[in-house]
Amino acid sequence: MFPVTIEWVLTKNGGRKQLPPIGLYYAVAHFDIPNSKNWSVVFQLEIHLINSHQLWLTQGKVRFLVDHAPNDYFKHLSTFKIFEGPRLVANVFLR
């Protein structure tokens, strides 16, 4: 698994009404790579934080849900987006 910090989109901007519970969280990841498809990922959420700008942050780890996914994305990219249906709910930063 790869360490991440998740910055959640604020509710007023279309994000979640509350943070997912600590533990496993399954989501759809979008990578800003031409012709790349979305991939299912699983997070191990470890701790929720609120920073000085009142943004919701979560630290944890991520991996792809399936073995044949492009694991190199996590090694070579610094960020990706998380969607729930058509709605952007978070930006993820690889640490």
PDB file of N, CA and C in Angstrom:
ATOM      1  N   MET A   1       0.845  -1.183   0.000  1.00  0.00           N
ATOM      2  CA  MET A   1       0.000   0.000   0.000  1.00  0.00           C
ATOM      3  C   MET A   1       0.890   1.245   0.000  1.00  0.00           C
ATOM      4  N   PHE A   2       0.347   2.321  -0.516  1.00  0.00           N
ATOM      5  CA  PHE A   2       1.091   3.564  -0.665  1.00  0.00           C
ATOM      6  C   PHE A   2       0.508   4.627   0.265  1.00  0.00           C
ATOM      7  N   PRO A   3       1.363   5.356   1.002  1.00  0.00           N
ATOM      8  CA  PRO A   3       0.861   6.371   1.933  1.00  0.00           C
ATOM      9  C   PRO A   3       0.283   7.579   1.190  1.00  0.00           C
ATOM     10  N   VAL A   4      -0.833   8.100   1.713  1.00  0.00           N
ATOM     11  CA  VAL A   4      -1.520   9.225   1.088  1.00  0.00           C
ATOM     12  C   VAL A   4      -2.056  10.196   2.134  1.00  0.00           C
ATOM     13  N   THR A   5      -2.286  11.417   1.667  1.00  0.00           N
ATOM     14  CA  THR A   5      -3.096  12.389   2.388  1.00  0.00           C
ATOM     15  C   THR A   5      -4.268  12.725   1.483  1.00  0.00           C
ATOM     16  N   ILE A   6      -5.461  12.637   2.016  1.00  0.00           N
ATOM     17  CA  ILE A   6      -6.680  12.911   1.260  1.00  0.00           C
ATOM     18  C   ILE A   6      -7.219  14.264   1.705  1.00  0.00           C
ATOM     19  N   GLU A   7      -7.466  15.138   0.739  1.00  0.00           N
ATOM     20  CA  GLU A   7      -8.105  16.425   1.018  1.00  0.00           C
ATOM     21  C   GLU A   7      -9.527  16.348   0.470  1.00  0.00           C
ATOM     22  N   TRP A   8     -10.496  16.335   1.363  1.00  0.00           N
ATOM     23  CA  TRP A   8     -11.896  16.156   0.990  1.00  0.00           C
ATOM     24  C   TRP A   8     -12.488  17.461   0.472  1.00  0.00           C
ATOM     25  N   VAL A   9     -13.299  17.368  -0.565  1.00  0.00           N
ATOM     26  CA  VAL A   9     -14.023  18.525  -1.078  1.00  0.00           C
ATOM     27  C   VAL A   9     -15.058  18.924  -0.025  1.00  0.00           C
ATOM     28  N   LEU A  10     -15.149  20.206   0.253  1.00  0.00           N
ATOM     29  CA  LEU A  10     -16.106  20.686   1.250  1.00  0.00           C
ATOM     30  C   LEU A  10     -17.541  20.417   0.809  1.00  0.00           C
ATOM     31  N   THR A  11     -18.417  20.191   1.761  1.00  0.00           N
ATOM     32  CA  THR A  11     -19.828  19.922   1.475  1.00  0.00           C
ATOM     33  C   THR A  11     -20.428  21.038   0.627  1.00  0.00           C
ATOM     34  N   LYS A  12     -20.115  22.282   0.958  1.00  0.00           N
ATOM     35  CA  LYS A  12     -20.682  23.419   0.218  1.00  0.00           C
ATOM     36  C   LYS A  12     -20.228  23.454  -1.240  1.00  0.00           C
ATOM     37  N   ASN A  13     -19.166  22.720  -1.558  1.00  0.00           N
ATOM     38  CA  ASN A  13     -18.656  22.632  -2.931  1.00  0.00           C
ATOM     39  C   ASN A  13     -19.034  21.314  -3.597  1.00  0.00           C
ATOM     40  N   GLY A  14     -19.978  20.588  -3.015  1.00  0.00           N
ATOM     41  CA  GLY A  14     -20.454  19.344  -3.607  1.00  0.00           C
ATOM     42  C   GLY A  14     -19.841  18.088  -3.031  1.00  0.00           C
ATOM     43  N   GLY A  15     -19.036  18.224  -1.987  1.00  0.00           N
ATOM     44  CA  GLY A  15     -18.392  17.064  -1.375  1.00  0.00           C
ATOM     45  C   GLY A  15     -19.313  16.305  -0.438  1.00  0.00           C
ATOM     46  N   ARG A  16     -18.740  15.386   0.279  1.00  0.00           N
ATOM     47  CA  ARG A  16     -19.481  14.552   1.229  1.00  0.00           C
ATOM     48  C   ARG A  16     -20.033  15.394   2.378  1.00  0.00           C
ATOM     49  N   LYS A  17     -21.114  14.890   2.981  1.00  0.00           N
ATOM     50  CA  LYS A  17     -21.687  15.563   4.153  1.00  0.00           C
ATOM     51  C   LYS A  17     -20.918  15.210   5.416  1.00  0.00           C
ATOM     52  N   GLN A  18     -20.282  14.054   5.413  1.00  0.00           N
ATOM     53  CA  GLN A  18     -19.435  13.657   6.535  1.00  0.00           C
ATOM     54  C   GLN A  18     -18.320  12.763   6.012  1.00  0.00           C
ATOM     55  N   LEU A  19     -17.275  12.652   6.798  1.00  0.00           N
ATOM     56  CA  LEU A  19     -16.140  11.820   6.396  1.00  0.00           C
ATOM     57  C   LEU A  19     -16.492  10.347   6.535  1.00  0.00           C
ATOM     58  N   PRO A  20     -15.912   9.508   5.681  1.00  0.00           N
ATOM     59  CA  PRO A  20     -16.120   8.070   5.866  1.00  0.00           C
ATOM     60  C   PRO A  20     -15.453   7.623   7.161  1.00  0.00           C
ATOM     61  N   PRO A  21     -15.940   6.552   7.769  1.00  0.00           N
ATOM     62  CA  PRO A  21     -15.324   6.098   9.019  1.00  0.00           C
ATOM     63  C   PRO A  21     -13.893   5.595   8.801  1.00  0.00           C
ATOM     64  N   ILE A  22     -13.107   5.657   9.854  1.00  0.00           N
ATOM     65  CA  ILE A  22     -11.757   5.091   9.829  1.00  0.00           C
ATOM     66  C   ILE A  22     -11.874   3.609   9.478  1.00  0.00           C
ATOM     67  N   GLY A  23     -10.949   3.139   8.663  1.00  0.00           N
ATOM     68  CA  GLY A  23     -10.978   1.748   8.213  1.00  0.00           C
ATOM     69  C   GLY A  23     -10.933   1.699   6.700  1.00  0.00           C
ATOM     70  N   LEU A  24     -11.523   0.674   6.120  1.00  0.00           N
ATOM     71  CA  LEU A  24     -11.497   0.507   4.674  1.00  0.00           C
ATOM     72  C   LEU A  24     -12.529   1.408   4.011  1.00  0.00           C
ATOM     73  N   TYR A  25     -12.122   2.025   2.906  1.00  0.00           N
ATOM     74  CA  TYR A  25     -12.988   2.900   2.119  1.00  0.00           C
ATOM     75  C   TYR A  25     -12.704   2.595   0.653  1.00  0.00           C
ATOM     76  N   TYR A  26     -13.742   2.204  -0.073  1.00  0.00           N
ATOM     77  CA  TYR A  26     -13.620   1.848  -1.488  1.00  0.00           C
ATOM     78  C   TYR A  26     -14.098   3.020  -2.332  1.00  0.00           C
ATOM     79  N   ALA A  27     -13.366   3.320  -3.398  1.00  0.00           N
ATOM     80  CA  ALA A  27     -13.702   4.486  -4.213  1.00  0.00           C
ATOM     81  C   ALA A  27     -13.240   4.272  -5.651  1.00  0.00           C
ATOM     82  N   VAL A  28     -13.642   5.217  -6.500  1.00  0.00           N
ATOM     83  CA  VAL A  28     -13.206   5.235  -7.894  1.00  0.00           C
ATOM     84  C   VAL A  28     -12.175   6.346  -8.046  1.00  0.00           C
ATOM     85  N   ALA A  29     -11.013   5.990  -8.570  1.00  0.00           N
ATOM     86  CA  ALA A  29      -9.912   6.938  -8.747  1.00  0.00           C
ATOM     87  C   ALA A  29      -9.826   7.375 -10.201  1.00  0.00           C
ATOM     88  N   HIS A  30      -9.599   8.667 -10.391  1.00  0.00           N
ATOM     89  CA  HIS A  30      -9.369   9.223 -11.720  1.00  0.00           C
ATOM     90  C   HIS A  30      -7.966   9.824 -11.747  1.00  0.00           C
ATOM     91  N   PHE A  31      -7.184   9.390 -12.724  1.00  0.00           N
ATOM     92  CA  PHE A  31      -5.810   9.865 -12.890  1.00  0.00           C
ATOM     93  C   PHE A  31      -5.751  10.780 -14.108  1.00  0.00           C
ATOM     94  N   ASP A  32      -5.105  11.923 -13.969  1.00  0.00           N
ATOM     95  CA  ASP A  32      -5.002  12.884 -15.070  1.00  0.00           C
ATOM     96  C   ASP A  32      -3.921  12.458 -16.053  1.00  0.00           C
ATOM     97  N   ILE A  33      -4.211  11.365 -16.743  1.00  0.00           N
ATOM     98  CA  ILE A  33      -3.319  10.818 -17.760  1.00  0.00           C
ATOM     99  C   ILE A  33      -4.162  10.617 -19.016  1.00  0.00           C
ATOM    100  N   PRO A  34      -3.714  11.111 -20.163  1.00  0.00           N
ATOM    101  CA  PRO A  34      -4.501  10.927 -21.384  1.00  0.00           C
ATOM    102  C   PRO A  34      -4.825   9.452 -21.637  1.00  0.00           C
ATOM    103  N   ASN A  35      -6.056   9.197 -22.016  1.00  0.00           N
ATOM    104  CA  ASN A  35      -6.555   7.852 -22.356  1.00  0.00           C
ATOM    105  C   ASN A  35      -6.537   6.873 -21.191  1.00  0.00           C
ATOM    106  N   SER A  36      -6.398   7.369 -19.975  1.00  0.00           N
ATOM    107  CA  SER A  36      -6.427   6.488 -18.807  1.00  0.00           C
ATOM    108  C   SER A  36      -7.862   6.314 -18.356  1.00  0.00           C
ATOM    109  N   LYS A  37      -8.202   5.084 -17.987  1.00  0.00           N
ATOM    110  CA  LYS A  37      -9.548   4.856 -17.463  1.00  0.00           C
ATOM    111  C   LYS A  37      -9.532   5.006 -15.947  1.00  0.00           C
ATOM    112  N   ASN A  38     -10.715   5.083 -15.372  1.00  0.00           N
ATOM    113  CA  ASN A  38     -10.828   5.138 -13.922  1.00  0.00           C
ATOM    114  C   ASN A  38     -10.595   3.749 -13.343  1.00  0.00           C
ATOM    115  N   TRP A  39     -10.084   3.713 -12.114  1.00  0.00           N
ATOM    116  CA  TRP A  39      -9.771   2.451 -11.455  1.00  0.00           C
ATOM    117  C   TRP A  39     -10.376   2.420 -10.058  1.00  0.00           C
ATOM    118  N   SER A  40     -10.808   1.252  -9.639  1.00  0.00           N
ATOM    119  CA  SER A  40     -11.280   1.076  -8.266  1.00  0.00           C
ATOM    120  C   SER A  40     -10.076   0.960  -7.344  1.00  0.00           C
ATOM    121  N   VAL A  41     -10.162   1.676  -6.224  1.00  0.00           N
ATOM    122  CA  VAL A  41      -9.091   1.652  -5.232  1.00  0.00           C
ATOM    123  C   VAL A  41      -9.694   1.373  -3.862  1.00  0.00           C
ATOM    124  N   VAL A  42      -8.843   0.917  -2.962  1.00  0.00           N
ATOM    125  CA  VAL A  42      -9.251   0.739  -1.569  1.00  0.00           C
ATOM    126  C   VAL A  42      -8.252   1.487  -0.694  1.00  0.00           C
ATOM    127  N   PHE A  43      -8.799   2.271   0.214  1.00  0.00           N
ATOM    128  CA  PHE A  43      -7.992   3.024   1.170  1.00  0.00           C
ATOM    129  C   PHE A  43      -8.074   2.362   2.536  1.00  0.00           C
ATOM    130  N   GLN A  44      -6.992   2.430   3.272  1.00  0.00           N
ATOM    131  CA  GLN A  44      -7.008   2.149   4.706  1.00  0.00           C
ATOM    132  C   GLN A  44      -6.915   3.522   5.361  1.00  0.00           C
ATOM    133  N   LEU A  45      -8.059   4.053   5.792  1.00  0.00           N
ATOM    134  CA  LEU A  45      -8.091   5.372   6.421  1.00  0.00           C
ATOM    135  C   LEU A  45      -7.618   5.231   7.854  1.00  0.00           C
ATOM    136  N   GLU A  46      -6.662   6.079   8.252  1.00  0.00           N
ATOM    137  CA  GLU A  46      -6.032   5.923   9.568  1.00  0.00           C
ATOM    138  C   GLU A  46      -6.368   7.040  10.545  1.00  0.00           C
ATOM    139  N   ILE A  47      -6.410   8.294  10.069  1.00  0.00           N
ATOM    140  CA  ILE A  47      -6.676   9.415  10.984  1.00  0.00           C
ATOM    141  C   ILE A  47      -7.290  10.575  10.203  1.00  0.00           C
ATOM    142  N   HIS A  48      -8.310  11.208  10.795  1.00  0.00           N
ATOM    143  CA  HIS A  48      -8.926  12.400  10.214  1.00  0.00           C
ATOM    144  C   HIS A  48      -8.373  13.634  10.923  1.00  0.00           C
ATOM    145  N   LEU A  49      -8.169  14.704  10.155  1.00  0.00           N
ATOM    146  CA  LEU A  49      -7.637  15.963  10.681  1.00  0.00           C
ATOM    147  C   LEU A  49      -8.421  17.128  10.085  1.00  0.00           C
ATOM    148  N   ILE A  50      -8.408  18.263  10.753  1.00  0.00           N
ATOM    149  CA  ILE A  50      -8.902  19.516  10.184  1.00  0.00           C
ATOM    150  C   ILE A  50      -7.737  20.490  10.253  1.00  0.00           C
ATOM    151  N   ASN A  51      -7.346  21.053   9.088  1.00  0.00           N
ATOM    152  CA  ASN A  51      -6.184  21.947   9.100  1.00  0.00           C
ATOM    153  C   ASN A  51      -6.593  23.380   9.438  1.00  0.00           C
ATOM    154  N   SER A  52      -5.644  24.293   9.437  1.00  0.00           N
ATOM    155  CA  SER A  52      -5.895  25.679   9.832  1.00  0.00           C
ATOM    156  C   SER A  52      -6.822  26.416   8.868  1.00  0.00           C
ATOM    157  N   HIS A  53      -7.035  25.866   7.677  1.00  0.00           N
ATOM    158  CA  HIS A  53      -7.952  26.456   6.699  1.00  0.00           C
ATOM    159  C   HIS A  53      -9.326  25.797   6.763  1.00  0.00           C
ATOM    160  N   GLN A  54      -9.558  25.003   7.809  1.00  0.00           N
ATOM    161  CA  GLN A  54     -10.822  24.287   8.019  1.00  0.00           C
ATOM    162  C   GLN A  54     -11.106  23.266   6.916  1.00  0.00           C
ATOM    163  N   LEU A  55     -10.058  22.721   6.316  1.00  0.00           N
ATOM    164  CA  LEU A  55     -10.207  21.652   5.332  1.00  0.00           C
ATOM    165  C   LEU A  55     -10.151  20.311   6.038  1.00  0.00           C
ATOM    166  N   TRP A  56     -10.969  19.380   5.570  1.00  0.00           N
ATOM    167  CA  TRP A  56     -10.938  18.012   6.097  1.00  0.00           C
ATOM    168  C   TRP A  56      -9.812  17.252   5.412  1.00  0.00           C
ATOM    169  N   LEU A  57      -8.955  16.647   6.193  1.00  0.00           N
ATOM    170  CA  LEU A  57      -7.856  15.835   5.676  1.00  0.00           C
ATOM    171  C   LEU A  57      -7.908  14.464   6.325  1.00  0.00           C
ATOM    172  N   THR A  58      -7.452  13.467   5.588  1.00  0.00           N
ATOM    173  CA  THR A  58      -7.328  12.123   6.136  1.00  0.00           C
ATOM    174  C   THR A  58      -5.984  11.568   5.707  1.00  0.00           C
ATOM    175  N   GLN A  59      -5.303  10.922   6.637  1.00  0.00           N
ATOM    176  CA  GLN A  59      -4.073  10.214   6.294  1.00  0.00           C
ATOM    177  C   GLN A  59      -4.367   8.724   6.281  1.00  0.00           C
ATOM    178  N   GLY A  60      -3.712   8.041   5.363  1.00  0.00           N
ATOM    179  CA  GLY A  60      -3.914   6.605   5.260  1.00  0.00           C
ATOM    180  C   GLY A  60      -3.042   6.014   4.176  1.00  0.00           C
ATOM    181  N   LYS A  61      -3.519   4.905   3.626  1.00  0.00           N
ATOM    182  CA  LYS A  61      -2.792   4.194   2.570  1.00  0.00           C
ATOM    183  C   LYS A  61      -3.780   3.783   1.496  1.00  0.00           C
ATOM    184  N   VAL A  62      -3.262   3.548   0.290  1.00  0.00           N
ATOM    185  CA  VAL A  62      -4.118   3.179  -0.832  1.00  0.00           C
ATOM    186  C   VAL A  62      -3.471   2.076  -1.652  1.00  0.00           C
ATOM    187  N   ARG A  63      -4.321   1.303  -2.290  1.00  0.00           N
ATOM    188  CA  ARG A  63      -3.888   0.318  -3.290  1.00  0.00           C
ATOM    189  C   ARG A  63      -5.028   0.148  -4.285  1.00  0.00           C
ATOM    190  N   PHE A  64      -4.713  -0.423  -5.430  1.00  0.00           N
ATOM    191  CA  PHE A  64      -5.758  -0.753  -6.391  1.00  0.00           C
ATOM    192  C   PHE A  64      -6.528  -1.967  -5.896  1.00  0.00           C
ATOM    193  N   LEU A  65      -7.783  -2.045  -6.282  1.00  0.00           N
ATOM    194  CA  LEU A  65      -8.620  -3.156  -5.863  1.00  0.00           C
ATOM    195  C   LEU A  65      -8.258  -4.440  -6.609  1.00  0.00           C
ATOM    196  N   VAL A  66      -7.787  -4.313  -7.847  1.00  0.00           N
ATOM    197  CA  VAL A  66      -7.460  -5.488  -8.656  1.00  0.00           C
ATOM    198  C   VAL A  66      -5.956  -5.565  -8.913  1.00  0.00           C
ATOM    199  N   ASP A  67      -5.478  -6.768  -9.104  1.00  0.00           N
ATOM    200  CA  ASP A  67      -4.040  -6.991  -9.289  1.00  0.00           C
ATOM    201  C   ASP A  67      -3.504  -6.470 -10.621  1.00  0.00           C
ATOM    202  N   HIS A  68      -4.339  -6.465 -11.669  1.00  0.00           N
ATOM    203  CA  HIS A  68      -3.842  -6.078 -12.996  1.00  0.00           C
ATOM    204  C   HIS A  68      -3.893  -4.561 -13.240  1.00  0.00           C
ATOM    205  N   ALA A  69      -4.103  -3.778 -12.208  1.00  0.00           N
ATOM    206  CA  ALA A  69      -4.140  -2.313 -12.329  1.00  0.00           C
ATOM    207  C   ALA A  69      -2.718  -1.758 -12.493  1.00  0.00           C
ATOM    208  N   PRO A  70      -2.609  -0.534 -12.992  1.00  0.00           N
ATOM    209  CA  PRO A  70      -1.285   0.070 -13.232  1.00  0.00           C
ATOM    210  C   PRO A  70      -0.650   0.620 -11.950  1.00  0.00           C
ATOM    211  N   ASN A  71      -0.028  -0.237 -11.175  1.00  0.00           N
ATOM    212  CA  ASN A  71       0.580   0.176  -9.904  1.00  0.00           C
ATOM    213  C   ASN A  71       1.645   1.254 -10.070  1.00  0.00           C
ATOM    214  N   ASP A  72       2.216   1.378 -11.253  1.00  0.00           N
ATOM    215  CA  ASP A  72       3.208   2.431 -11.498  1.00  0.00           C
ATOM    216  C   ASP A  72       2.621   3.824 -11.293  1.00  0.00           C
ATOM    217  N   TYR A  73       1.308   3.962 -11.448  1.00  0.00           N
ATOM    218  CA  TYR A  73       0.688   5.272 -11.221  1.00  0.00           C
ATOM    219  C   TYR A  73       1.034   5.786  -9.827  1.00  0.00           C
ATOM    220  N   PHE A  74       0.991   4.904  -8.841  1.00  0.00           N
ATOM    221  CA  PHE A  74       1.263   5.321  -7.466  1.00  0.00           C
ATOM    222  C   PHE A  74       2.737   5.661  -7.249  1.00  0.00           C
ATOM    223  N   LYS A  75       3.603   5.146  -8.091  1.00  0.00           N
ATOM    224  CA  LYS A  75       5.036   5.411  -7.957  1.00  0.00           C
ATOM    225  C   LYS A  75       5.462   6.690  -8.673  1.00  0.00           C
ATOM    226  N   HIS A  76       4.731   7.051  -9.741  1.00  0.00           N
ATOM    227  CA  HIS A  76       5.185   8.147 -10.592  1.00  0.00           C
ATOM    228  C   HIS A  76       4.305   9.391 -10.559  1.00  0.00           C
ATOM    229  N   LEU A  77       3.118   9.295 -10.005  1.00  0.00           N
ATOM    230  CA  LEU A  77       2.232  10.455  -9.921  1.00  0.00           C
ATOM    231  C   LEU A  77       2.226  10.998  -8.498  1.00  0.00           C
ATOM    232  N   SER A  78       1.852  12.247  -8.354  1.00  0.00           N
ATOM    233  CA  SER A  78       1.798  12.832  -7.015  1.00  0.00           C
ATOM    234  C   SER A  78       0.374  13.040  -6.522  1.00  0.00           C
ATOM    235  N   THR A  79      -0.599  12.978  -7.430  1.00  0.00           N
ATOM    236  CA  THR A  79      -1.978  13.237  -7.031  1.00  0.00           C
ATOM    237  C   THR A  79      -2.961  12.520  -7.949  1.00  0.00           C
ATOM    238  N   PHE A  80      -4.158  12.284  -7.438  1.00  0.00           N
ATOM    239  CA  PHE A  80      -5.280  11.800  -8.236  1.00  0.00           C
ATOM    240  C   PHE A  80      -6.571  12.206  -7.549  1.00  0.00           C
ATOM    241  N   LYS A  81      -7.691  11.997  -8.240  1.00  0.00           N
ATOM    242  CA  LYS A  81      -8.992  12.430  -7.734  1.00  0.00           C
ATOM    243  C   LYS A  81      -9.864  11.225  -7.391  1.00  0.00           C
ATOM    244  N   ILE A  82     -10.769  11.427  -6.416  1.00  0.00           N
ATOM    245  CA  ILE A  82     -11.703  10.385  -6.010  1.00  0.00           C
ATOM    246  C   ILE A  82     -13.126  10.847  -6.315  1.00  0.00           C
ATOM    247  N   PHE A  83     -13.887   9.955  -6.930  1.00  0.00           N
ATOM    248  CA  PHE A  83     -15.275  10.230  -7.273  1.00  0.00           C
ATOM    249  C   PHE A  83     -16.194   9.233  -6.584  1.00  0.00           C
ATOM    250  N   GLU A  84     -17.372   9.713  -6.211  1.00  0.00           N
ATOM    251  CA  GLU A  84     -18.481   8.860  -5.791  1.00  0.00           C
ATOM    252  C   GLU A  84     -19.572   9.120  -6.812  1.00  0.00           C
ATOM    253  N   GLY A  85     -19.763   8.164  -7.727  1.00  0.00           N
ATOM    254  CA  GLY A  85     -20.631   8.415  -8.874  1.00  0.00           C
ATOM    255  C   GLY A  85     -19.998   9.514  -9.709  1.00  0.00           C
ATOM    256  N   PRO A  86     -20.788  10.489 -10.170  1.00  0.00           N
ATOM    257  CA  PRO A  86     -20.227  11.571 -10.984  1.00  0.00           C
ATOM    258  C   PRO A  86     -19.619  12.703 -10.154  1.00  0.00           C
ATOM    259  N   ARG A  87     -19.688  12.588  -8.844  1.00  0.00           N
ATOM    260  CA  ARG A  87     -19.327  13.689  -7.948  1.00  0.00           C
ATOM    261  C   ARG A  87     -17.889  13.569  -7.444  1.00  0.00           C
ATOM    262  N   LEU A  88     -17.102  14.633  -7.654  1.00  0.00           N
ATOM    263  CA  LEU A  88     -15.746  14.706  -7.103  1.00  0.00           C
ATOM    264  C   LEU A  88     -15.857  14.898  -5.600  1.00  0.00           C
ATOM    265  N   VAL A  89     -15.230  14.006  -4.829  1.00  0.00           N
ATOM    266  CA  VAL A  89     -15.309  14.116  -3.370  1.00  0.00           C
ATOM    267  C   VAL A  89     -13.959  14.369  -2.714  1.00  0.00           C
ATOM    268  N   ALA A  90     -12.847  14.117  -3.421  1.00  0.00           N
ATOM    269  CA  ALA A  90     -11.546  14.308  -2.771  1.00  0.00           C
ATOM    270  C   ALA A  90     -10.417  14.380  -3.787  1.00  0.00           C
ATOM    271  N   ASN A  91      -9.362  15.058  -3.356  1.00  0.00           N
ATOM    272  CA  ASN A  91      -8.080  15.046  -4.055  1.00  0.00           C
ATOM    273  C   ASN A  91      -7.107  14.287  -3.167  1.00  0.00           C
ATOM    274  N   VAL A  92      -6.366  13.386  -3.774  1.00  0.00           N
ATOM    275  CA  VAL A  92      -5.459  12.514  -3.024  1.00  0.00           C
ATOM    276  C   VAL A  92      -4.024  12.863  -3.394  1.00  0.00           C
ATOM    277  N   PHE A  93      -3.191  12.987  -2.362  1.00  0.00           N
ATOM    278  CA  PHE A  93      -1.776  13.318  -2.548  1.00  0.00           C
ATOM    279  C   PHE A  93      -0.935  12.157  -2.037  1.00  0.00           C
ATOM    280  N   LEU A  94      -0.141  11.588  -2.919  1.00  0.00           N
ATOM    281  CA  LEU A  94       0.755  10.491  -2.536  1.00  0.00           C
ATOM    282  C   LEU A  94       1.933  11.066  -1.772  1.00  0.00           C
ATOM    283  N   ARG A  95       2.306  10.399  -0.675  1.00  0.00           N
ATOM    284  CA  ARG A  95       3.397  10.905   0.171  1.00  0.00           C
ATOM    285  C   ARG A  95       4.657  10.089  -0.052  1.00  0.00           C
TER     286      ARG A  95
END
